[in-house]
């Protein structure tokens, strides 16, 4: 009983085509989730999530850390084996940040001054 002849070039091209199609679907799904998905699903934190404000290293793997979470500043004692809540207070209002400008707008603004 003879086995049918297999064209390895066609098989290789078909496999590569399916691989690129699968990768395209994965990247499209990632882009759609990032663009229209649940806020914070593909990012760490978000507007309401915990945010590291400051950290003071005290020694090897020991620190005092200030974390802002839900409009409260939490002072945490962090060691290698545990995290302890030391203090909790209302968060101070954050100063307004100046609007960030991209490189093109700065270049365009400065080009008129020559």
C-alpha atoms as a PDB file:
ATOM      1  CA  UNK A   1       0.000   0.000   0.000  1.00  0.00           C
ATOM      2  CA  UNK A   2       1.483   3.327  -1.098  1.00  0.00           C
ATOM      3  CA  UNK A   3       1.111   6.600   0.733  1.00  0.00           C
ATOM      4  CA  UNK A   4       0.012   9.611  -1.295  1.00  0.00           C
ATOM      5  CA  UNK A   5       2.743  12.029  -2.309  1.00  0.00           C
ATOM      6  CA  UNK A   6       2.938  15.168  -0.196  1.00  0.00           C
ATOM      7  CA  UNK A   7       4.148  18.471  -1.610  1.00  0.00           C
ATOM      8  CA  UNK A   8       6.183  19.925   1.268  1.00  0.00           C
ATOM      9  CA  UNK A   9       6.270  23.414  -0.288  1.00  0.00           C
ATOM     10  CA  UNK A  10       2.486  23.677  -0.361  1.00  0.00           C
ATOM     11  CA  UNK A  11       2.188  22.283   3.154  1.00  0.00           C
ATOM     12  CA  UNK A  12       4.759  24.755   4.465  1.00  0.00           C
ATOM     13  CA  UNK A  13       3.030  27.725   2.804  1.00  0.00           C
ATOM     14  CA  UNK A  14      -0.378  26.640   4.086  1.00  0.00           C
ATOM     15  CA  UNK A  15       0.956  26.271   7.636  1.00  0.00           C
ATOM     16  CA  UNK A  16       2.656  29.684   7.477  1.00  0.00           C
ATOM     17  CA  UNK A  17      -0.547  31.234   6.147  1.00  0.00           C
ATOM     18  CA  UNK A  18      -2.596  29.833   9.031  1.00  0.00           C
ATOM     19  CA  UNK A  19       0.046  31.024  11.499  1.00  0.00           C
ATOM     20  CA  UNK A  20      -0.070  34.597  10.150  1.00  0.00           C
ATOM     21  CA  UNK A  21      -3.863  34.503  10.135  1.00  0.00           C
ATOM     22  CA  UNK A  22      -3.909  33.387  13.779  1.00  0.00           C
ATOM     23  CA  UNK A  23      -1.402  36.070  14.787  1.00  0.00           C
ATOM     24  CA  UNK A  24      -3.496  38.675  12.965  1.00  0.00           C
ATOM     25  CA  UNK A  25      -6.614  37.609  14.850  1.00  0.00           C
ATOM     26  CA  UNK A  26      -4.744  37.783  18.181  1.00  0.00           C
ATOM     27  CA  UNK A  27      -3.416  41.300  17.476  1.00  0.00           C
ATOM     28  CA  UNK A  28      -6.856  42.437  16.268  1.00  0.00           C
ATOM     29  CA  UNK A  29      -8.487  41.106  19.443  1.00  0.00           C
ATOM     30  CA  UNK A  30      -5.835  42.850  21.562  1.00  0.00           C
ATOM     31  CA  UNK A  31      -6.382  46.152  19.737  1.00  0.00           C
ATOM     32  CA  UNK A  32     -10.178  45.878  20.052  1.00  0.00           C
ATOM     33  CA  UNK A  33      -9.939  45.128  23.786  1.00  0.00           C
ATOM     34  CA  UNK A  34      -7.516  47.991  24.299  1.00  0.00           C
ATOM     35  CA  UNK A  35      -9.700  50.405  22.325  1.00  0.00           C
ATOM     36  CA  UNK A  36     -13.243  49.375  23.278  1.00  0.00           C
ATOM     37  CA  UNK A  37     -12.839  46.888  26.111  1.00  0.00           C
ATOM     38  CA  UNK A  38     -13.364  47.127  29.822  1.00  0.00           C
ATOM     39  CA  UNK A  39     -11.380  50.090  31.218  1.00  0.00           C
ATOM     40  CA  UNK A  40      -8.321  48.859  33.049  1.00  0.00           C
ATOM     41  CA  UNK A  41      -8.611  45.321  31.698  1.00  0.00           C
ATOM     42  CA  UNK A  42      -5.260  45.408  29.901  1.00  0.00           C
ATOM     43  CA  UNK A  43      -3.550  47.998  32.095  1.00  0.00           C
ATOM     44  CA  UNK A  44      -2.299  47.912  35.620  1.00  0.00           C
ATOM     45  CA  UNK A  45      -4.352  50.276  37.697  1.00  0.00           C
ATOM     46  CA  UNK A  46      -6.489  53.041  36.362  1.00  0.00           C
ATOM     47  CA  UNK A  47      -8.100  56.206  37.604  1.00  0.00           C
ATOM     48  CA  UNK A  48      -9.557  54.482  40.677  1.00  0.00           C
ATOM     49  CA  UNK A  49      -6.838  51.901  41.201  1.00  0.00           C
ATOM     50  CA  UNK A  50      -4.050  51.973  43.757  1.00  0.00           C
ATOM     51  CA  UNK A  51      -1.122  54.247  42.870  1.00  0.00           C
ATOM     52  CA  UNK A  52       2.318  54.455  44.451  1.00  0.00           C
ATOM     53  CA  UNK A  53       2.921  58.009  45.691  1.00  0.00           C
ATOM     54  CA  UNK A  54       6.266  57.665  47.449  1.00  0.00           C
ATOM     55  CA  UNK A  55       8.599  55.105  48.960  1.00  0.00           C
ATOM     56  CA  UNK A  56      11.360  55.350  51.568  1.00  0.00           C
ATOM     57  CA  UNK A  57      13.758  52.427  51.723  1.00  0.00           C
ATOM     58  CA  UNK A  58      14.742  51.628  55.321  1.00  0.00           C
ATOM     59  CA  UNK A  59      16.947  48.627  54.785  1.00  0.00           C
ATOM     60  CA  UNK A  60      17.272  45.392  52.926  1.00  0.00           C
ATOM     61  CA  UNK A  61      13.717  44.649  51.667  1.00  0.00           C
ATOM     62  CA  UNK A  62      12.120  47.029  54.201  1.00  0.00           C
ATOM     63  CA  UNK A  63      10.388  50.265  53.300  1.00  0.00           C
ATOM     64  CA  UNK A  64       7.745  52.812  54.195  1.00  0.00           C
ATOM     65  CA  UNK A  65       5.370  53.273  51.282  1.00  0.00           C
ATOM     66  CA  UNK A  66       2.605  55.780  50.626  1.00  0.00           C
ATOM     67  CA  UNK A  67      -0.141  54.411  48.369  1.00  0.00           C
ATOM     68  CA  UNK A  68      -3.130  56.461  47.162  1.00  0.00           C
ATOM     69  CA  UNK A  69      -6.316  54.391  46.900  1.00  0.00           C
ATOM     70  CA  UNK A  70      -9.911  55.653  46.682  1.00  0.00           C
ATOM     71  CA  UNK A  71      -9.029  59.213  47.765  1.00  0.00           C
ATOM     72  CA  UNK A  72      -7.065  58.003  50.783  1.00  0.00           C
ATOM     73  CA  UNK A  73      -3.337  57.990  51.409  1.00  0.00           C
ATOM     74  CA  UNK A  74      -2.222  54.763  53.082  1.00  0.00           C
ATOM     75  CA  UNK A  75       1.128  54.586  54.877  1.00  0.00           C
ATOM     76  CA  UNK A  76       2.314  50.994  54.657  1.00  0.00           C
ATOM     77  CA  UNK A  77       5.221  49.278  56.351  1.00  0.00           C
ATOM     78  CA  UNK A  78       6.554  46.742  53.854  1.00  0.00           C
ATOM     79  CA  UNK A  79       8.933  43.919  54.729  1.00  0.00           C
ATOM     80  CA  UNK A  80       9.904  40.720  52.987  1.00  0.00           C
ATOM     81  CA  UNK A  81       7.164  38.751  54.743  1.00  0.00           C
ATOM     82  CA  UNK A  82       4.302  41.171  55.434  1.00  0.00           C
ATOM     83  CA  UNK A  83       2.641  44.493  54.711  1.00  0.00           C
ATOM     84  CA  UNK A  84       1.274  46.483  57.658  1.00  0.00           C
ATOM     85  CA  UNK A  85      -1.093  49.453  57.504  1.00  0.00           C
ATOM     86  CA  UNK A  86       0.528  52.109  59.713  1.00  0.00           C
ATOM     87  CA  UNK A  87      -1.665  55.120  58.983  1.00  0.00           C
ATOM     88  CA  UNK A  88      -4.584  56.238  56.824  1.00  0.00           C
ATOM     89  CA  UNK A  89      -5.558  59.804  55.878  1.00  0.00           C
ATOM     90  CA  UNK A  90      -7.617  61.702  53.322  1.00  0.00           C
ATOM     91  CA  UNK A  91      -5.629  62.325  50.162  1.00  0.00           C
ATOM     92  CA  UNK A  92      -4.482  65.876  49.565  1.00  0.00           C
ATOM     93  CA  UNK A  93      -5.629  67.360  46.256  1.00  0.00           C
ATOM     94  CA  UNK A  94      -3.102  66.860  43.499  1.00  0.00           C
ATOM     95  CA  UNK A  95      -1.607  69.936  41.864  1.00  0.00           C
ATOM     96  CA  UNK A  96      -2.708  70.485  38.279  1.00  0.00           C
ATOM     97  CA  UNK A  97      -0.221  69.287  35.741  1.00  0.00           C
ATOM     98  CA  UNK A  98       0.552  71.503  32.786  1.00  0.00           C
ATOM     99  CA  UNK A  99      -0.695  70.076  29.507  1.00  0.00           C
ATOM    100  CA  UNK A 100       1.922  67.941  27.825  1.00  0.00           C
ATOM    101  CA  UNK A 101       2.896  69.005  24.356  1.00  0.00           C
ATOM    102  CA  UNK A 102       4.273  66.686  21.770  1.00  0.00           C
ATOM    103  CA  UNK A 103       7.493  67.298  19.908  1.00  0.00           C
ATOM    104  CA  UNK A 104       5.774  68.393  16.689  1.00  0.00           C
ATOM    105  CA  UNK A 105       3.799  71.196  18.388  1.00  0.00           C
ATOM    106  CA  UNK A 106       6.930  72.516  20.159  1.00  0.00           C
ATOM    107  CA  UNK A 107       8.880  72.450  16.901  1.00  0.00           C
ATOM    108  CA  UNK A 108       6.070  74.219  15.047  1.00  0.00           C
ATOM    109  CA  UNK A 109       5.839  76.918  17.735  1.00  0.00           C
ATOM    110  CA  UNK A 110       9.607  77.505  17.768  1.00  0.00           C
ATOM    111  CA  UNK A 111       9.924  77.515  13.965  1.00  0.00           C
ATOM    112  CA  UNK A 112       8.032  80.843  13.774  1.00  0.00           C
ATOM    113  CA  UNK A 113      10.557  82.572  16.076  1.00  0.00           C
ATOM    114  CA  UNK A 114      13.524  82.308  13.700  1.00  0.00           C
END
